[in-house]
Amino acid sequence: MRKLDESLLTHLSPFASLTKDEIRAILDEAASQRYDAGDAIFEESASAERFFLLLDGYIRVVRMTAEGAHVTILHIPAG
């Protein structure tokens, strides 16, 4: 598997105080994953067991109303 570059995390504030070795340890456990348009990546009731870095594209956050309609709450761009 291809190693992910440390620059993916070093510029993000939650990781700014970590050492290069700590960042490398996180990225060594990371996996690159592609999703098709319309795929569900995370559901509201799911427990947060991981975090995602969006490298390309955007995520559309959708909430289902009581009537069953899908309403877009926000768009999250890559970066």
PDB file of N, CA and C in Angstrom:
ATOM      1  N   MET A   1       0.836  -1.180   0.000  1.00  0.00           N
ATOM      2  CA  MET A   1       0.000   0.000   0.000  1.00  0.00           C
ATOM      3  C   MET A   1       0.885   1.249   0.000  1.00  0.00           C
ATOM      4  N   ARG A   2       0.482   2.238  -0.764  1.00  0.00           N
ATOM      5  CA  ARG A   2       1.228   3.491  -0.859  1.00  0.00           C
ATOM      6  C   ARG A   2       1.117   4.280   0.441  1.00  0.00           C
ATOM      7  N   LYS A   3       2.237   4.807   0.907  1.00  0.00           N
ATOM      8  CA  LYS A   3       2.235   5.625   2.127  1.00  0.00           C
ATOM      9  C   LYS A   3       1.655   6.999   1.824  1.00  0.00           C
ATOM     10  N   LEU A   4       0.854   7.490   2.745  1.00  0.00           N
ATOM     11  CA  LEU A   4       0.288   8.828   2.614  1.00  0.00           C
ATOM     12  C   LEU A   4       1.301   9.856   3.097  1.00  0.00           C
ATOM     13  N   ASP A   5       1.340  10.993   2.428  1.00  0.00           N
ATOM     14  CA  ASP A   5       2.307  12.045   2.727  1.00  0.00           C
ATOM     15  C   ASP A   5       1.948  12.782   4.019  1.00  0.00           C
ATOM     16  N   GLU A   6       2.955  13.087   4.824  1.00  0.00           N
ATOM     17  CA  GLU A   6       2.750  13.773   6.103  1.00  0.00           C
ATOM     18  C   GLU A   6       2.132  15.156   5.950  1.00  0.00           C
ATOM     19  N   SER A   7       2.308  15.773   4.792  1.00  0.00           N
ATOM     20  CA  SER A   7       1.746  17.112   4.582  1.00  0.00           C
ATOM     21  C   SER A   7       0.219  17.102   4.612  1.00  0.00           C
ATOM     22  N   LEU A   8      -0.390  15.923   4.514  1.00  0.00           N
ATOM     23  CA  LEU A   8      -1.848  15.831   4.625  1.00  0.00           C
ATOM     24  C   LEU A   8      -2.325  16.280   6.003  1.00  0.00           C
ATOM     25  N   LEU A   9      -1.498  16.095   7.028  1.00  0.00           N
ATOM     26  CA  LEU A   9      -1.900  16.425   8.397  1.00  0.00           C
ATOM     27  C   LEU A   9      -1.183  17.616   8.998  1.00  0.00           C
ATOM     28  N   THR A  10       0.048  17.874   8.597  1.00  0.00           N
ATOM     29  CA  THR A  10       0.859  18.879   9.291  1.00  0.00           C
ATOM     30  C   THR A  10       0.255  20.278   9.259  1.00  0.00           C
ATOM     31  N   HIS A  11      -0.530  20.599   8.239  1.00  0.00           N
ATOM     32  CA  HIS A  11      -1.106  21.944   8.143  1.00  0.00           C
ATOM     33  C   HIS A  11      -2.473  22.063   8.823  1.00  0.00           C
ATOM     34  N   LEU A  12      -2.988  20.979   9.383  1.00  0.00           N
ATOM     35  CA  LEU A  12      -4.288  20.999  10.055  1.00  0.00           C
ATOM     36  C   LEU A  12      -4.105  21.259  11.549  1.00  0.00           C
ATOM     37  N   SER A  13      -4.843  22.219  12.091  1.00  0.00           N
ATOM     38  CA  SER A  13      -4.634  22.647  13.477  1.00  0.00           C
ATOM     39  C   SER A  13      -4.732  21.529  14.516  1.00  0.00           C
ATOM     40  N   PRO A  14      -5.611  20.533  14.395  1.00  0.00           N
ATOM     41  CA  PRO A  14      -5.629  19.484  15.427  1.00  0.00           C
ATOM     42  C   PRO A  14      -4.333  18.671  15.504  1.00  0.00           C
ATOM     43  N   PHE A  15      -3.528  18.722  14.452  1.00  0.00           N
ATOM     44  CA  PHE A  15      -2.309  17.923  14.396  1.00  0.00           C
ATOM     45  C   PHE A  15      -1.040  18.771  14.487  1.00  0.00           C
ATOM     46  N   ALA A  16      -1.187  20.077  14.619  1.00  0.00           N
ATOM     47  CA  ALA A  16      -0.046  20.999  14.560  1.00  0.00           C
ATOM     48  C   ALA A  16       0.997  20.747  15.641  1.00  0.00           C
ATOM     49  N   SER A  17       0.589  20.280  16.801  1.00  0.00           N
ATOM     50  CA  SER A  17       1.551  20.084  17.893  1.00  0.00           C
ATOM     51  C   SER A  17       2.176  18.685  17.898  1.00  0.00           C
ATOM     52  N   LEU A  18       1.784  17.839  16.965  1.00  0.00           N
ATOM     53  CA  LEU A  18       2.338  16.483  16.921  1.00  0.00           C
ATOM     54  C   LEU A  18       3.709  16.466  16.258  1.00  0.00           C
ATOM     55  N   THR A  19       4.534  15.538  16.683  1.00  0.00           N
ATOM     56  CA  THR A  19       5.845  15.369  16.053  1.00  0.00           C
ATOM     57  C   THR A  19       5.677  14.656  14.717  1.00  0.00           C
ATOM     58  N   LYS A  20       6.723  14.709  13.925  1.00  0.00           N
ATOM     59  CA  LYS A  20       6.710  14.016  12.638  1.00  0.00           C
ATOM     60  C   LYS A  20       6.481  12.512  12.843  1.00  0.00           C
ATOM     61  N   ASP A  21       7.085  11.943  13.869  1.00  0.00           N
ATOM     62  CA  ASP A  21       6.904  10.513  14.157  1.00  0.00           C
ATOM     63  C   ASP A  21       5.464  10.191  14.547  1.00  0.00           C
ATOM     64  N   GLU A  22       4.837  11.076  15.311  1.00  0.00           N
ATOM     65  CA  GLU A  22       3.438  10.855  15.699  1.00  0.00           C
ATOM     66  C   GLU A  22       2.514  10.935  14.487  1.00  0.00           C
ATOM     67  N   ILE A  23       2.762  11.896  13.621  1.00  0.00           N
ATOM     68  CA  ILE A  23       1.970  12.014  12.394  1.00  0.00           C
ATOM     69  C   ILE A  23       2.181  10.795  11.511  1.00  0.00           C
ATOM     70  N   ARG A  24       3.428  10.345  11.397  1.00  0.00           N
ATOM     71  CA  ARG A  24       3.722   9.159  10.592  1.00  0.00           C
ATOM     72  C   ARG A  24       2.988   7.940  11.150  1.00  0.00           C
ATOM     73  N   ALA A  25       2.938   7.805  12.475  1.00  0.00           N
ATOM     74  CA  ALA A  25       2.240   6.674  13.099  1.00  0.00           C
ATOM     75  C   ALA A  25       0.751   6.692  12.757  1.00  0.00           C
ATOM     76  N   ILE A  26       0.154   7.871  12.749  1.00  0.00           N
ATOM     77  CA  ILE A  26      -1.260   7.989  12.365  1.00  0.00           C
ATOM     78  C   ILE A  26      -1.440   7.589  10.909  1.00  0.00           C
ATOM     79  N   LEU A  27      -0.601   8.136  10.032  1.00  0.00           N
ATOM     80  CA  LEU A  27      -0.743   7.861   8.601  1.00  0.00           C
ATOM     81  C   LEU A  27      -0.413   6.416   8.248  1.00  0.00           C
ATOM     82  N   ASP A  28       0.442   5.775   9.033  1.00  0.00           N
ATOM     83  CA  ASP A  28       0.747   4.361   8.783  1.00  0.00           C
ATOM     84  C   ASP A  28      -0.474   3.478   9.010  1.00  0.00           C
ATOM     85  N   GLU A  29      -1.417   3.949   9.811  1.00  0.00           N
ATOM     86  CA  GLU A  29      -2.661   3.215  10.065  1.00  0.00           C
ATOM     87  C   GLU A  29      -3.785   3.639   9.121  1.00  0.00           C
ATOM     88  N   ALA A  30      -3.547   4.671   8.330  1.00  0.00           N
ATOM     89  CA  ALA A  30      -4.583   5.219   7.448  1.00  0.00           C
ATOM     90  C   ALA A  30      -4.723   4.394   6.177  1.00  0.00           C
ATOM     91  N   ALA A  31      -5.885   4.499   5.572  1.00  0.00           N
ATOM     92  CA  ALA A  31      -6.151   3.826   4.301  1.00  0.00           C
ATOM     93  C   ALA A  31      -6.848   4.807   3.367  1.00  0.00           C
ATOM     94  N   SER A  32      -6.429   4.808   2.124  1.00  0.00           N
ATOM     95  CA  SER A  32      -7.071   5.637   1.114  1.00  0.00           C
ATOM     96  C   SER A  32      -8.310   4.903   0.609  1.00  0.00           C
ATOM     97  N   GLN A  33      -9.405   5.626   0.491  1.00  0.00           N
ATOM     98  CA  GLN A  33     -10.667   5.016   0.068  1.00  0.00           C
ATOM     99  C   GLN A  33     -11.362   5.942  -0.920  1.00  0.00           C
ATOM    100  N   ARG A  34     -11.882   5.367  -1.997  1.00  0.00           N
ATOM    101  CA  ARG A  34     -12.651   6.143  -2.973  1.00  0.00           C
ATOM    102  C   ARG A  34     -14.130   5.843  -2.781  1.00  0.00           C
ATOM    103  N   TYR A  35     -14.944   6.865  -2.965  1.00  0.00           N
ATOM    104  CA  TYR A  35     -16.394   6.716  -2.888  1.00  0.00           C
ATOM    105  C   TYR A  35     -17.007   7.250  -4.170  1.00  0.00           C
ATOM    106  N   ASP A  36     -18.062   6.605  -4.614  1.00  0.00           N
ATOM    107  CA  ASP A  36     -18.795   7.080  -5.784  1.00  0.00           C
ATOM    108  C   ASP A  36     -19.790   8.155  -5.362  1.00  0.00           C
ATOM    109  N   ALA A  37     -20.170   9.004  -6.305  1.00  0.00           N
ATOM    110  CA  ALA A  37     -21.182  10.023  -6.030  1.00  0.00           C
ATOM    111  C   ALA A  37     -22.437   9.347  -5.496  1.00  0.00           C
ATOM    112  N   GLY A  38     -22.966   9.905  -4.428  1.00  0.00           N
ATOM    113  CA  GLY A  38     -24.183   9.365  -3.835  1.00  0.00           C
ATOM    114  C   GLY A  38     -23.961   8.330  -2.754  1.00  0.00           C
ATOM    115  N   ASP A  39     -22.730   7.838  -2.597  1.00  0.00           N
ATOM    116  CA  ASP A  39     -22.437   6.858  -1.537  1.00  0.00           C
ATOM    117  C   ASP A  39     -22.574   7.504  -0.162  1.00  0.00           C
ATOM    118  N   ALA A  40     -23.111   6.750   0.781  1.00  0.00           N
ATOM    119  CA  ALA A  40     -23.153   7.207   2.174  1.00  0.00           C
ATOM    120  C   ALA A  40     -21.802   6.898   2.806  1.00  0.00           C
ATOM    121  N   ILE A  41     -21.168   7.897   3.364  1.00  0.00           N
ATOM    122  CA  ILE A  41     -19.863   7.735   3.999  1.00  0.00           C
ATOM    123  C   ILE A  41     -20.021   7.575   5.505  1.00  0.00           C
ATOM    124  N   PHE A  42     -20.955   8.299   6.071  1.00  0.00           N
ATOM    125  CA  PHE A  42     -21.158   8.308   7.516  1.00  0.00           C
ATOM    126  C   PHE A  42     -22.628   8.603   7.774  1.00  0.00           C
ATOM    127  N   GLU A  43     -23.209   7.912   8.739  1.00  0.00           N
ATOM    128  CA  GLU A  43     -24.604   8.155   9.087  1.00  0.00           C
ATOM    129  C   GLU A  43     -24.700   8.775  10.473  1.00  0.00           C
ATOM    130  N   GLU A  44     -25.702   9.597  10.668  1.00  0.00           N
ATOM    131  CA  GLU A  44     -25.848  10.374  11.898  1.00  0.00           C
ATOM    132  C   GLU A  44     -25.804   9.514  13.154  1.00  0.00           C
ATOM    133  N   SER A  45     -26.383   8.352  13.130  1.00  0.00           N
ATOM    134  CA  SER A  45     -26.448   7.519  14.337  1.00  0.00           C
ATOM    135  C   SER A  45     -25.201   6.647  14.549  1.00  0.00           C
ATOM    136  N   ALA A  46     -24.286   6.647  13.595  1.00  0.00           N
ATOM    137  CA  ALA A  46     -23.088   5.803  13.692  1.00  0.00           C
ATOM    138  C   ALA A  46     -22.090   6.389  14.689  1.00  0.00           C
ATOM    139  N   SER A  47     -21.394   5.508  15.409  1.00  0.00           N
ATOM    140  CA  SER A  47     -20.363   5.987  16.331  1.00  0.00           C
ATOM    141  C   SER A  47     -19.133   6.433  15.539  1.00  0.00           C
ATOM    142  N   ALA A  48     -18.425   7.423  16.063  1.00  0.00           N
ATOM    143  CA  ALA A  48     -17.242   7.958  15.388  1.00  0.00           C
ATOM    144  C   ALA A  48     -16.024   7.134  15.792  1.00  0.00           C
ATOM    145  N   GLU A  49     -15.637   6.206  14.935  1.00  0.00           N
ATOM    146  CA  GLU A  49     -14.495   5.334  15.203  1.00  0.00           C
ATOM    147  C   GLU A  49     -13.276   5.707  14.376  1.00  0.00           C
ATOM    148  N   ARG A  50     -13.430   6.692  13.507  1.00  0.00           N
ATOM    149  CA  ARG A  50     -12.329   7.130  12.638  1.00  0.00           C
ATOM    150  C   ARG A  50     -12.620   8.546  12.169  1.00  0.00           C
ATOM    151  N   PHE A  51     -11.639   9.138  11.496  1.00  0.00           N
ATOM    152  CA  PHE A  51     -11.863  10.441  10.892  1.00  0.00           C
ATOM    153  C   PHE A  51     -11.506  10.349   9.420  1.00  0.00           C
ATOM    154  N   PHE A  52     -11.991  11.303   8.658  1.00  0.00           N
ATOM    155  CA  PHE A  52     -11.811  11.306   7.215  1.00  0.00           C
ATOM    156  C   PHE A  52     -11.075  12.568   6.793  1.00  0.00           C
ATOM    157  N   LEU A  53     -10.212  12.429   5.809  1.00  0.00           N
ATOM    158  CA  LEU A  53      -9.584  13.564   5.136  1.00  0.00           C
ATOM    159  C   LEU A  53     -10.100  13.553   3.710  1.00  0.00           C
ATOM    160  N   LEU A  54     -10.739  14.610   3.306  1.00  0.00           N
ATOM    161  CA  LEU A  54     -11.279  14.696   1.957  1.00  0.00           C
ATOM    162  C   LEU A  54     -10.218  15.313   1.051  1.00  0.00           C
ATOM    163  N   LEU A  55      -9.661  14.499   0.161  1.00  0.00           N
ATOM    164  CA  LEU A  55      -8.562  14.945  -0.691  1.00  0.00           C
ATOM    165  C   LEU A  55      -9.037  15.535  -2.005  1.00  0.00           C
ATOM    166  N   ASP A  56     -10.234  15.123  -2.465  1.00  0.00           N
ATOM    167  CA  ASP A  56     -10.737  15.574  -3.758  1.00  0.00           C
ATOM    168  C   ASP A  56     -12.256  15.517  -3.736  1.00  0.00           C
ATOM    169  N   GLY A  57     -12.891  16.427  -4.431  1.00  0.00           N
ATOM    170  CA  GLY A  57     -14.344  16.427  -4.519  1.00  0.00           C
ATOM    171  C   GLY A  57     -14.979  17.182  -3.361  1.00  0.00           C
ATOM    172  N   TYR A  58     -16.194  16.790  -3.016  1.00  0.00           N
ATOM    173  CA  TYR A  58     -16.888  17.412  -1.891  1.00  0.00           C
ATOM    174  C   TYR A  58     -17.849  16.401  -1.280  1.00  0.00           C
ATOM    175  N   ILE A  59     -18.260  16.686  -0.068  1.00  0.00           N
ATOM    176  CA  ILE A  59     -19.240  15.856   0.623  1.00  0.00           C
ATOM    177  C   ILE A  59     -20.505  16.684   0.786  1.00  0.00           C
ATOM    178  N   ARG A  60     -21.617  16.067   0.495  1.00  0.00           N
ATOM    179  CA  ARG A  60     -22.917  16.700   0.701  1.00  0.00           C
ATOM    180  C   ARG A  60     -23.518  16.100   1.967  1.00  0.00           C
ATOM    181  N   VAL A  61     -23.772  16.943   2.958  1.00  0.00           N
ATOM    182  CA  VAL A  61     -24.367  16.494   4.219  1.00  0.00           C
ATOM    183  C   VAL A  61     -25.880  16.615   4.081  1.00  0.00           C
ATOM    184  N   VAL A  62     -26.555  15.483   4.275  1.00  0.00           N
ATOM    185  CA  VAL A  62     -27.995  15.410   4.036  1.00  0.00           C
ATOM    186  C   VAL A  62     -28.697  14.941   5.303  1.00  0.00           C
ATOM    187  N   ARG A  63     -29.844  15.501   5.557  1.00  0.00           N
ATOM    188  CA  ARG A  63     -30.688  15.059   6.674  1.00  0.00           C
ATOM    189  C   ARG A  63     -32.050  14.671   6.097  1.00  0.00           C
ATOM    190  N   MET A  64     -32.607  13.580   6.611  1.00  0.00           N
ATOM    191  CA  MET A  64     -33.920  13.149   6.170  1.00  0.00           C
ATOM    192  C   MET A  64     -34.975  13.753   7.099  1.00  0.00           C
ATOM    193  N   THR A  65     -35.991  14.365   6.501  1.00  0.00           N
ATOM    194  CA  THR A  65     -37.072  14.952   7.289  1.00  0.00           C
ATOM    195  C   THR A  65     -38.014  13.856   7.770  1.00  0.00           C
ATOM    196  N   ALA A  66     -38.912  14.209   8.665  1.00  0.00           N
ATOM    197  CA  ALA A  66     -39.909  13.259   9.169  1.00  0.00           C
ATOM    198  C   ALA A  66     -40.781  12.727   8.040  1.00  0.00           C
ATOM    199  N   GLU A  67     -40.918  13.515   6.974  1.00  0.00           N
ATOM    200  CA  GLU A  67     -41.719  13.095   5.821  1.00  0.00           C
ATOM    201  C   GLU A  67     -40.927  12.228   4.845  1.00  0.00           C
ATOM    202  N   GLY A  68     -39.631  12.038   5.107  1.00  0.00           N
ATOM    203  CA  GLY A  68     -38.800  11.197   4.252  1.00  0.00           C
ATOM    204  C   GLY A  68     -38.067  11.932   3.148  1.00  0.00           C
ATOM    205  N   ALA A  69     -38.160  13.261   3.123  1.00  0.00           N
ATOM    206  CA  ALA A  69     -37.448  14.041   2.110  1.00  0.00           C
ATOM    207  C   ALA A  69     -35.995  14.236   2.544  1.00  0.00           C
ATOM    208  N   HIS A  70     -35.073  14.220   1.563  1.00  0.00           N
ATOM    209  CA  HIS A  70     -33.659  14.480   1.831  1.00  0.00           C
ATOM    210  C   HIS A  70     -33.385  15.971   1.656  1.00  0.00           C
ATOM    211  N   VAL A  71     -32.854  16.599   2.699  1.00  0.00           N
ATOM    212  CA  VAL A  71     -32.547  18.029   2.674  1.00  0.00           C
ATOM    213  C   VAL A  71     -31.041  18.197   2.841  1.00  0.00           C
ATOM    214  N   THR A  72     -30.415  18.903   1.891  1.00  0.00           N
ATOM    215  CA  THR A  72     -28.979  19.171   1.987  1.00  0.00           C
ATOM    216  C   THR A  72     -28.739  20.236   3.047  1.00  0.00           C
ATOM    217  N   ILE A  73     -27.920  19.880   4.039  1.00  0.00           N
ATOM    218  CA  ILE A  73     -27.592  20.793   5.128  1.00  0.00           C
ATOM    219  C   ILE A  73     -26.394  21.662   4.754  1.00  0.00           C
ATOM    220  N   LEU A  74     -25.353  21.052   4.185  1.00  0.00           N
ATOM    221  CA  LEU A  74     -24.179  21.794   3.744  1.00  0.00           C
ATOM    222  C   LEU A  74     -23.339  20.950   2.802  1.00  0.00           C
ATOM    223  N   HIS A  75     -22.438  21.629   2.099  1.00  0.00           N
ATOM    224  CA  HIS A  75     -21.440  20.988   1.245  1.00  0.00           C
ATOM    225  C   HIS A  75     -20.076  21.219   1.888  1.00  0.00           C
ATOM    226  N   ILE A  76     -19.272  20.168   1.967  1.00  0.00           N
ATOM    227  CA  ILE A  76     -17.928  20.266   2.532  1.00  0.00           C
ATOM    228  C   ILE A  76     -16.930  20.041   1.395  1.00  0.00           C
ATOM    229  N   PRO A  77     -16.112  21.050   1.074  1.00  0.00           N
ATOM    230  CA  PRO A  77     -15.130  20.887  -0.001  1.00  0.00           C
ATOM    231  C   PRO A  77     -13.880  20.156   0.481  1.00  0.00           C
ATOM    232  N   ALA A  78     -13.082  19.699  -0.469  1.00  0.00           N
ATOM    233  CA  ALA A  78     -11.803  19.061  -0.145  1.00  0.00           C
ATOM    234  C   ALA A  78     -10.890  20.064   0.541  1.00  0.00           C
ATOM    235  N   GLY A  79     -10.002  19.528   1.389  1.00  0.00           N
ATOM    236  CA  GLY A  79      -9.001  20.387   2.014  1.00  0.00           C
ATOM    237  C   GLY A  79      -9.101  20.496   3.487  1.00  0.00           C
TER     238      GLY A  79
END
